[in-house]
PDB file of N, CA and C in Angstrom:
ATOM      1  N   MET A   1      24.044   0.107  -1.315  1.00  0.00           N
ATOM      2  CA  MET A   1      23.441  -0.829  -2.199  1.00  0.00           C
ATOM      3  C   MET A   1      23.792  -0.439  -3.658  1.00  0.00           C
ATOM      4  N   GLY A   2      23.648  -1.297  -4.501  1.00  0.00           N
ATOM      5  CA  GLY A   2      24.223  -1.186  -5.877  1.00  0.00           C
ATOM      6  C   GLY A   2      23.144  -0.466  -6.836  1.00  0.00           C
ATOM      7  N   ILE A   3      23.741  -0.202  -8.074  1.00  0.00           N
ATOM      8  CA  ILE A   3      22.837   0.349  -9.049  1.00  0.00           C
ATOM      9  C   ILE A   3      22.878  -0.723 -10.203  1.00  0.00           C
ATOM     10  N   GLY A   4      21.831  -0.970 -10.778  1.00  0.00           N
ATOM     11  CA  GLY A   4      21.602  -1.716 -12.000  1.00  0.00           C
ATOM     12  C   GLY A   4      21.107  -1.083 -13.254  1.00  0.00           C
ATOM     13  N   LYS A   5      21.330  -1.620 -14.338  1.00  0.00           N
ATOM     14  CA  LYS A   5      20.889  -0.927 -15.556  1.00  0.00           C
ATOM     15  C   LYS A   5      19.785  -1.740 -16.228  1.00  0.00           C
ATOM     16  N   ILE A   6      18.842  -0.940 -16.788  1.00  0.00           N
ATOM     17  CA  ILE A   6      17.807  -1.708 -17.483  1.00  0.00           C
ATOM     18  C   ILE A   6      18.192  -1.964 -18.983  1.00  0.00           C
ATOM     19  N   THR A   7      17.982  -3.177 -19.324  1.00  0.00           N
ATOM     20  CA  THR A   7      18.404  -3.558 -20.644  1.00  0.00           C
ATOM     21  C   THR A   7      17.366  -3.130 -21.792  1.00  0.00           C
ATOM     22  N   ARG A   8      17.546  -3.486 -23.095  1.00  0.00           N
ATOM     23  CA  ARG A   8      16.667  -3.186 -24.114  1.00  0.00           C
ATOM     24  C   ARG A   8      15.358  -4.018 -23.830  1.00  0.00           C
ATOM     25  N   ASN A   9      15.551  -5.256 -23.199  1.00  0.00           N
ATOM     26  CA  ASN A   9      14.353  -6.154 -22.906  1.00  0.00           C
ATOM     27  C   ASN A   9      13.860  -5.723 -21.672  1.00  0.00           C
ATOM     28  N   PHE A  10      14.165  -4.677 -21.004  1.00  0.00           N
ATOM     29  CA  PHE A  10      13.685  -4.112 -19.665  1.00  0.00           C
ATOM     30  C   PHE A  10      13.939  -5.198 -18.585  1.00  0.00           C
ATOM     31  N   GLN A  11      15.082  -5.834 -18.705  1.00  0.00           N
ATOM     32  CA  GLN A  11      15.671  -6.689 -17.736  1.00  0.00           C
ATOM     33  C   GLN A  11      16.655  -5.989 -16.747  1.00  0.00           C
ATOM     34  N   VAL A  12      16.659  -6.207 -15.520  1.00  0.00           N
ATOM     35  CA  VAL A  12      17.755  -5.689 -14.567  1.00  0.00           C
ATOM     36  C   VAL A  12      18.407  -6.745 -13.804  1.00  0.00           C
ATOM     37  N   THR A  13      19.690  -6.406 -13.682  1.00  0.00           N
ATOM     38  CA  THR A  13      20.568  -7.311 -12.868  1.00  0.00           C
ATOM     39  C   THR A  13      20.453  -7.033 -11.467  1.00  0.00           C
ATOM     40  N   ILE A  14      20.217  -7.912 -10.622  1.00  0.00           N
ATOM     41  CA  ILE A  14      20.225  -7.362  -9.160  1.00  0.00           C
ATOM     42  C   ILE A  14      21.790  -7.245  -8.797  1.00  0.00           C
ATOM     43  N   PRO A  15      22.242  -6.188  -8.285  1.00  0.00           N
ATOM     44  CA  PRO A  15      23.691  -6.111  -7.755  1.00  0.00           C
ATOM     45  C   PRO A  15      24.018  -7.123  -6.785  1.00  0.00           C
ATOM     46  N   ARG A  16      25.334  -7.611  -6.888  1.00  0.00           N
ATOM     47  CA  ARG A  16      25.869  -8.554  -5.959  1.00  0.00           C
ATOM     48  C   ARG A  16      25.765  -8.242  -4.431  1.00  0.00           C
ATOM     49  N   ASP A  17      25.866  -6.963  -3.987  1.00  0.00           N
ATOM     50  CA  ASP A  17      25.862  -6.687  -2.699  1.00  0.00           C
ATOM     51  C   ASP A  17      24.410  -6.689  -2.246  1.00  0.00           C
ATOM     52  N   VAL A  18      23.494  -6.485  -3.001  1.00  0.00           N
ATOM     53  CA  VAL A  18      22.033  -6.754  -2.656  1.00  0.00           C
ATOM     54  C   VAL A  18      21.826  -8.291  -2.477  1.00  0.00           C
ATOM     55  N   ARG A  19      22.213  -9.135  -3.516  1.00  0.00           N
ATOM     56  CA  ARG A  19      22.026 -10.447  -3.407  1.00  0.00           C
ATOM     57  C   ARG A  19      22.672 -11.122  -2.318  1.00  0.00           C
ATOM     58  N   GLU A  20      23.722 -10.511  -1.823  1.00  0.00           N
ATOM     59  CA  GLU A  20      24.347 -10.991  -0.482  1.00  0.00           C
ATOM     60  C   GLU A  20      23.554 -10.699   0.657  1.00  0.00           C
ATOM     61  N   VAL A  21      22.896  -9.656   0.748  1.00  0.00           N
ATOM     62  CA  VAL A  21      21.968  -9.327   1.805  1.00  0.00           C
ATOM     63  C   VAL A  21      20.770 -10.139   1.729  1.00  0.00           C
ATOM     64  N   ARG A  22      20.136 -10.275   0.674  1.00  0.00           N
ATOM     65  CA  ARG A  22      18.885 -11.001   0.452  1.00  0.00           C
ATOM     66  C   ARG A  22      19.118 -12.071  -0.694  1.00  0.00           C
ATOM     67  N   PRO A  23      19.588 -13.174  -0.302  1.00  0.00           N
ATOM     68  CA  PRO A  23      19.878 -14.195  -1.476  1.00  0.00           C
ATOM     69  C   PRO A  23      18.619 -14.512  -2.238  1.00  0.00           C
ATOM     70  N   VAL A  24      18.853 -14.564  -3.616  1.00  0.00           N
ATOM     71  CA  VAL A  24      17.754 -14.852  -4.537  1.00  0.00           C
ATOM     72  C   VAL A  24      18.367 -15.962  -5.422  1.00  0.00           C
ATOM     73  N   ARG A  25      17.357 -16.756  -5.992  1.00  0.00           N
ATOM     74  CA  ARG A  25      17.677 -17.711  -6.938  1.00  0.00           C
ATOM     75  C   ARG A  25      16.804 -17.682  -8.200  1.00  0.00           C
ATOM     76  N   GLU A  26      17.253 -18.115  -9.259  1.00  0.00           N
ATOM     77  CA  GLU A  26      16.539 -18.272 -10.486  1.00  0.00           C
ATOM     78  C   GLU A  26      15.269 -18.733 -10.252  1.00  0.00           C
ATOM     79  N   GLY A  27      14.213 -18.209 -10.727  1.00  0.00           N
ATOM     80  CA  GLY A  27      12.763 -18.618 -10.436  1.00  0.00           C
ATOM     81  C   GLY A  27      12.079 -18.169  -9.361  1.00  0.00           C
ATOM     82  N   ASP A  28      12.724 -17.512  -8.305  1.00  0.00           N
ATOM     83  CA  ASP A  28      12.162 -16.701  -7.321  1.00  0.00           C
ATOM     84  C   ASP A  28      11.115 -15.766  -7.829  1.00  0.00           C
ATOM     85  N   LEU A  29      10.033 -15.605  -7.062  1.00  0.00           N
ATOM     86  CA  LEU A  29       8.948 -14.643  -7.492  1.00  0.00           C
ATOM     87  C   LEU A  29       9.241 -13.314  -6.862  1.00  0.00           C
ATOM     88  N   VAL A  30       8.989 -12.290  -7.550  1.00  0.00           N
ATOM     89  CA  VAL A  30       9.122 -10.885  -7.012  1.00  0.00           C
ATOM     90  C   VAL A  30       7.893 -10.129  -7.524  1.00  0.00           C
ATOM     91  N   MET A  31       7.517  -9.219  -6.732  1.00  0.00           N
ATOM     92  CA  MET A  31       6.347  -8.328  -6.973  1.00  0.00           C
ATOM     93  C   MET A  31       6.875  -6.931  -7.121  1.00  0.00           C
ATOM     94  N   PHE A  32       6.407  -6.174  -8.210  1.00  0.00           N
ATOM     95  CA  PHE A  32       6.658  -4.809  -8.372  1.00  0.00           C
ATOM     96  C   PHE A  32       5.368  -3.986  -7.843  1.00  0.00           C
ATOM     97  N   SER A  33       5.738  -3.002  -7.142  1.00  0.00           N
ATOM     98  CA  SER A  33       4.807  -1.809  -6.870  1.00  0.00           C
ATOM     99  C   SER A  33       5.195  -0.553  -6.954  1.00  0.00           C
ATOM    100  N   VAL A  34       4.361   0.438  -7.158  1.00  0.00           N
ATOM    101  CA  VAL A  34       4.741   1.843  -7.310  1.00  0.00           C
ATOM    102  C   VAL A  34       4.342   2.641  -6.113  1.00  0.00           C
ATOM    103  N   GLU A  35       5.078   3.447  -5.765  1.00  0.00           N
ATOM    104  CA  GLU A  35       4.831   4.441  -4.704  1.00  0.00           C
ATOM    105  C   GLU A  35       5.183   5.836  -4.865  1.00  0.00           C
ATOM    106  N   GLY A  36       4.397   6.736  -5.611  1.00  0.00           N
ATOM    107  CA  GLY A  36       4.830   7.882  -6.043  1.00  0.00           C
ATOM    108  C   GLY A  36       5.699   7.753  -7.264  1.00  0.00           C
ATOM    109  N   ASP A  37       7.014   8.202  -7.202  1.00  0.00           N
ATOM    110  CA  ASP A  37       7.866   7.979  -8.223  1.00  0.00           C
ATOM    111  C   ASP A  37       8.869   6.684  -7.922  1.00  0.00           C
ATOM    112  N   ARG A  38       8.690   6.087  -6.902  1.00  0.00           N
ATOM    113  CA  ARG A  38       9.517   4.982  -6.700  1.00  0.00           C
ATOM    114  C   ARG A  38       8.826   3.641  -6.992  1.00  0.00           C
ATOM    115  N   ILE A  39       9.722   2.929  -7.548  1.00  0.00           N
ATOM    116  CA  ILE A  39       9.365   1.406  -7.975  1.00  0.00           C
ATOM    117  C   ILE A  39       9.931   0.555  -6.861  1.00  0.00           C
ATOM    118  N   ILE A  40       9.090  -0.301  -6.192  1.00  0.00           N
ATOM    119  CA  ILE A  40       9.622  -1.214  -5.149  1.00  0.00           C
ATOM    120  C   ILE A  40       9.429  -2.633  -5.652  1.00  0.00           C
ATOM    121  N   LEU A  41      10.554  -3.354  -5.267  1.00  0.00           N
ATOM    122  CA  LEU A  41      10.705  -4.878  -5.769  1.00  0.00           C
ATOM    123  C   LEU A  41      10.596  -5.574  -4.513  1.00  0.00           C
ATOM    124  N   GLU A  42       9.693  -6.525  -4.321  1.00  0.00           N
ATOM    125  CA  GLU A  42       9.569  -7.281  -3.027  1.00  0.00           C
ATOM    126  C   GLU A  42       9.693  -8.807  -3.424  1.00  0.00           C
ATOM    127  N   MET A  43      10.284  -9.615  -2.647  1.00  0.00           N
ATOM    128  CA  MET A  43      10.250 -11.028  -2.811  1.00  0.00           C
ATOM    129  C   MET A  43       8.966 -11.369  -2.221  1.00  0.00           C
ATOM    130  N   VAL A  44       8.272 -12.388  -2.909  1.00  0.00           N
ATOM    131  CA  VAL A  44       7.008 -13.114  -2.614  1.00  0.00           C
ATOM    132  C   VAL A  44       7.052 -14.582  -2.405  1.00  0.00           C
ATOM    133  N   ASP A  45       6.423 -15.133  -1.243  1.00  0.00           N
ATOM    134  CA  ASP A  45       6.594 -16.446  -1.051  1.00  0.00           C
ATOM    135  C   ASP A  45       5.888 -17.367  -2.031  1.00  0.00           C
ATOM    136  N   GLU A  46       4.637 -16.906  -2.353  1.00  0.00           N
ATOM    137  CA  GLU A  46       3.875 -17.664  -3.298  1.00  0.00           C
ATOM    138  C   GLU A  46       3.220 -16.731  -4.441  1.00  0.00           C
ATOM    139  N   ASP A  47       2.795 -17.115  -5.592  1.00  0.00           N
ATOM    140  CA  ASP A  47       2.199 -16.393  -6.519  1.00  0.00           C
ATOM    141  C   ASP A  47       0.809 -15.832  -6.079  1.00  0.00           C
ATOM    142  N   PRO A  48       0.568 -14.638  -5.877  1.00  0.00           N
ATOM    143  CA  PRO A  48      -0.497 -13.886  -5.485  1.00  0.00           C
ATOM    144  C   PRO A  48      -1.757 -14.369  -6.265  1.00  0.00           C
ATOM    145  N   ILE A  49      -1.649 -14.634  -7.623  1.00  0.00           N
ATOM    146  CA  ILE A  49      -2.808 -14.985  -8.357  1.00  0.00           C
ATOM    147  C   ILE A  49      -3.248 -16.379  -7.869  1.00  0.00           C
ATOM    148  N   LYS A  50      -2.296 -17.374  -7.830  1.00  0.00           N
ATOM    149  CA  LYS A  50      -2.731 -18.737  -7.264  1.00  0.00           C
ATOM    150  C   LYS A  50      -3.267 -18.618  -5.843  1.00  0.00           C
ATOM    151  N   ALA A  51      -2.820 -17.724  -5.047  1.00  0.00           N
ATOM    152  CA  ALA A  51      -3.259 -17.553  -3.630  1.00  0.00           C
ATOM    153  C   ALA A  51      -4.700 -17.063  -3.715  1.00  0.00           C
ATOM    154  N   ALA A  52      -4.967 -16.120  -4.547  1.00  0.00           N
ATOM    155  CA  ALA A  52      -6.186 -15.480  -4.679  1.00  0.00           C
ATOM    156  C   ALA A  52      -7.352 -16.536  -5.326  1.00  0.00           C
ATOM    157  N   ALA A  53      -6.982 -17.428  -6.015  1.00  0.00           N
ATOM    158  CA  ALA A  53      -7.730 -18.219  -6.746  1.00  0.00           C
ATOM    159  C   ALA A  53      -8.672 -19.027  -5.829  1.00  0.00           C
ATOM    160  N   GLY A  54      -8.104 -19.408  -4.556  1.00  0.00           N
ATOM    161  CA  GLY A  54      -8.966 -20.123  -3.698  1.00  0.00           C
ATOM    162  C   GLY A  54      -9.788 -19.205  -2.750  1.00  0.00           C
ATOM    163  N   ILE A  55      -9.898 -17.910  -3.150  1.00  0.00           N
ATOM    164  CA  ILE A  55     -10.783 -17.063  -2.414  1.00  0.00           C
ATOM    165  C   ILE A  55     -12.071 -17.457  -2.174  1.00  0.00           C
ATOM    166  N   TRP A  56     -12.553 -18.023  -3.240  1.00  0.00           N
ATOM    167  CA  TRP A  56     -14.287 -18.344  -3.143  1.00  0.00           C
ATOM    168  C   TRP A  56     -14.402 -19.715  -2.531  1.00  0.00           C
ATOM    169  N   SER A  57     -13.451 -20.473  -2.110  1.00  0.00           N
ATOM    170  CA  SER A  57     -13.717 -21.799  -1.689  1.00  0.00           C
ATOM    171  C   SER A  57     -14.677 -21.956  -0.414  1.00  0.00           C
ATOM    172  N   ASP A  58     -14.671 -20.891   0.325  1.00  0.00           N
ATOM    173  CA  ASP A  58     -15.635 -20.935   1.574  1.00  0.00           C
ATOM    174  C   ASP A  58     -16.898 -20.205   1.311  1.00  0.00           C
ATOM    175  N   MET A  59     -17.085 -19.616   0.136  1.00  0.00           N
ATOM    176  CA  MET A  59     -18.237 -18.775  -0.070  1.00  0.00           C
ATOM    177  C   MET A  59     -19.391 -19.707  -0.509  1.00  0.00           C
ATOM    178  N   LYS A  60     -20.543 -19.009  -0.269  1.00  0.00           N
ATOM    179  CA  LYS A  60     -21.869 -19.790  -0.627  1.00  0.00           C
ATOM    180  C   LYS A  60     -22.146 -19.734  -2.108  1.00  0.00           C
ATOM    181  N   GLU A  61     -21.564 -18.682  -2.767  1.00  0.00           N
ATOM    182  CA  GLU A  61     -21.640 -18.486  -4.148  1.00  0.00           C
ATOM    183  C   GLU A  61     -20.342 -18.369  -4.898  1.00  0.00           C
ATOM    184  N   ASP A  62     -20.241 -18.757  -6.145  1.00  0.00           N
ATOM    185  CA  ASP A  62     -18.965 -18.668  -6.805  1.00  0.00           C
ATOM    186  C   ASP A  62     -18.894 -17.195  -7.409  1.00  0.00           C
ATOM    187  N   GLY A  63     -17.608 -16.815  -8.079  1.00  0.00           N
ATOM    188  CA  GLY A  63     -17.502 -15.521  -8.502  1.00  0.00           C
ATOM    189  C   GLY A  63     -18.432 -15.111  -9.558  1.00  0.00           C
ATOM    190  N   VAL A  64     -18.884 -15.979 -10.340  1.00  0.00           N
ATOM    191  CA  VAL A  64     -19.797 -15.759 -11.489  1.00  0.00           C
ATOM    192  C   VAL A  64     -21.089 -15.334 -10.910  1.00  0.00           C
ATOM    193  N   ALA A  65     -21.771 -16.159  -9.921  1.00  0.00           N
ATOM    194  CA  ALA A  65     -22.927 -15.966  -9.225  1.00  0.00           C
ATOM    195  C   ALA A  65     -22.882 -14.502  -8.327  1.00  0.00           C
ATOM    196  N   PHE A  66     -21.816 -14.345  -7.849  1.00  0.00           N
ATOM    197  CA  PHE A  66     -21.541 -13.003  -6.996  1.00  0.00           C
ATOM    198  C   PHE A  66     -21.690 -11.770  -7.918  1.00  0.00           C
ATOM    199  N   GLU A  67     -21.127 -11.830  -9.047  1.00  0.00           N
ATOM    200  CA  GLU A  67     -21.200 -10.920 -10.115  1.00  0.00           C
ATOM    201  C   GLU A  67     -22.519 -10.634 -10.630  1.00  0.00           C
ATOM    202  N   ARG A  68     -23.112 -11.671 -10.849  1.00  0.00           N
ATOM    203  CA  ARG A  68     -24.682 -11.700 -11.326  1.00  0.00           C
ATOM    204  C   ARG A  68     -25.508 -10.933 -10.358  1.00  0.00           C
ATOM    205  N   ARG A  69     -25.365 -11.336  -9.066  1.00  0.00           N
ATOM    206  CA  ARG A  69     -26.046 -10.875  -8.003  1.00  0.00           C
ATOM    207  C   ARG A  69     -25.827  -9.201  -7.915  1.00  0.00           C
ATOM    208  N   LEU A  70     -24.608  -8.983  -7.844  1.00  0.00           N
ATOM    209  CA  LEU A  70     -24.251  -7.392  -7.936  1.00  0.00           C
ATOM    210  C   LEU A  70     -24.967  -6.744  -9.038  1.00  0.00           C
ATOM    211  N   ARG A  71     -24.864  -7.404 -10.259  1.00  0.00           N
ATOM    212  CA  ARG A  71     -25.532  -6.608 -11.450  1.00  0.00           C
ATOM    213  C   ARG A  71     -27.071  -6.485 -11.356  1.00  0.00           C
ATOM    214  N   ARG A  72     -27.676  -7.592 -10.896  1.00  0.00           N
ATOM    215  CA  ARG A  72     -29.096  -7.345 -10.514  1.00  0.00           C
ATOM    216  C   ARG A  72     -29.390  -6.324  -9.588  1.00  0.00           C
ATOM    217  N   GLU A  73     -28.774  -6.414  -8.513  1.00  0.00           N
ATOM    218  CA  GLU A  73     -29.058  -5.426  -7.347  1.00  0.00           C
ATOM    219  C   GLU A  73     -28.695  -4.014  -7.975  1.00  0.00           C
ATOM    220  N   SER A  74     -27.795  -3.753  -8.787  1.00  0.00           N
ATOM    221  CA  SER A  74     -27.487  -2.511  -9.327  1.00  0.00           C
ATOM    222  C   SER A  74     -28.463  -2.083 -10.306  1.00  0.00           C
ATOM    223  N   GLU A  75     -28.877  -2.969 -11.103  1.00  0.00           N
ATOM    224  CA  GLU A  75     -30.034  -2.725 -12.087  1.00  0.00           C
ATOM    225  C   GLU A  75     -31.324  -2.302 -11.189  1.00  0.00           C
ATOM    226  N   ALA A  76     -31.508  -3.119 -10.298  1.00  0.00           N
ATOM    227  CA  ALA A  76     -32.800  -2.736  -9.523  1.00  0.00           C
ATOM    228  C   ALA A  76     -32.707  -1.449  -9.000  1.00  0.00           C
ATOM    229  N   ARG A  77     -31.603  -0.982  -8.469  1.00  0.00           N
ATOM    230  CA  ARG A  77     -31.274   0.255  -7.647  1.00  0.00           C
ATOM    231  C   ARG A  77     -31.385   1.453  -8.728  1.00  0.00           C
ATOM    232  N   LEU A  78     -30.852   1.212  -9.840  1.00  0.00           N
ATOM    233  CA  LEU A  78     -31.021   2.258 -10.899  1.00  0.00           C
ATOM    234  C   LEU A  78     -32.495   2.334 -11.440  1.00  0.00           C
ATOM    235  N   ARG A  79     -33.215   1.251 -11.470  1.00  0.00           N
ATOM    236  CA  ARG A  79     -34.617   1.481 -11.887  1.00  0.00           C
ATOM    237  C   ARG A  79     -35.310   2.155 -10.766  1.00  0.00           C
ATOM    238  N   ARG A  80     -35.086   1.992  -9.494  1.00  0.00           N
ATOM    239  CA  ARG A  80     -35.828   2.678  -8.492  1.00  0.00           C
ATOM    240  C   ARG A  80     -35.480   4.095  -8.493  1.00  0.00           C
ATOM    241  N   GLU A  81     -34.231   4.435  -8.726  1.00  0.00           N
ATOM    242  CA  GLU A  81     -33.780   5.877  -8.852  1.00  0.00           C
ATOM    243  C   GLU A  81     -34.423   6.491  -9.979  1.00  0.00           C
ATOM    244  N   MET A  82     -34.686   5.786 -11.076  1.00  0.00           N
ATOM    245  CA  MET A  82     -35.200   6.386 -12.235  1.00  0.00           C
ATOM    246  C   MET A  82     -36.756   6.663 -12.082  1.00  0.00           C
ATOM    247  N   ASP A  83     -37.320   5.670 -11.230  1.00  0.00           N
ATOM    248  CA  ASP A  83     -38.834   5.896 -10.897  1.00  0.00           C
ATOM    249  C   ASP A  83     -39.000   7.070  -9.815  1.00  0.00           C
ATOM    250  N   ASP A  84     -38.090   7.251  -8.970  1.00  0.00           N
ATOM    251  CA  ASP A  84     -38.221   8.413  -8.211  1.00  0.00           C
ATOM    252  C   ASP A  84     -38.141   9.718  -8.787  1.00  0.00           C
ATOM    253  N   ASP A  85     -37.477   9.805 -10.003  1.00  0.00           N
ATOM    254  CA  ASP A  85     -37.312  11.078 -10.651  1.00  0.00           C
ATOM    255  C   ASP A  85     -38.662  11.499 -11.405  1.00  0.00           C
TER     256      ASP A  85
END
C-alpha cells in the first residue's frame, strides 16, 4: 500500500494503488475511527447521522420525552438515596 502526506489543511490524498484496490469517487463517505495509536479510514454506504435520525420512529416516545423521563427517574432515585441517609 502507499503512503500519503497530510497537507496544511489536514487533507490526505489516497494513494493510487489503494484506489485501484478499493475504487473511490469524489463525494464518497468515509468514517475515521481510532484504535490505540492507529487511525482507521472506512468507506460507509450511508451517512451514520442520517441513519440514526430514524431510530425513534418505532418508539412510543420521542427523544425529548425519553430524556425527560430519564431525568425524572434519576432525580427521584437521588431523592430516595438522600432520604435513606
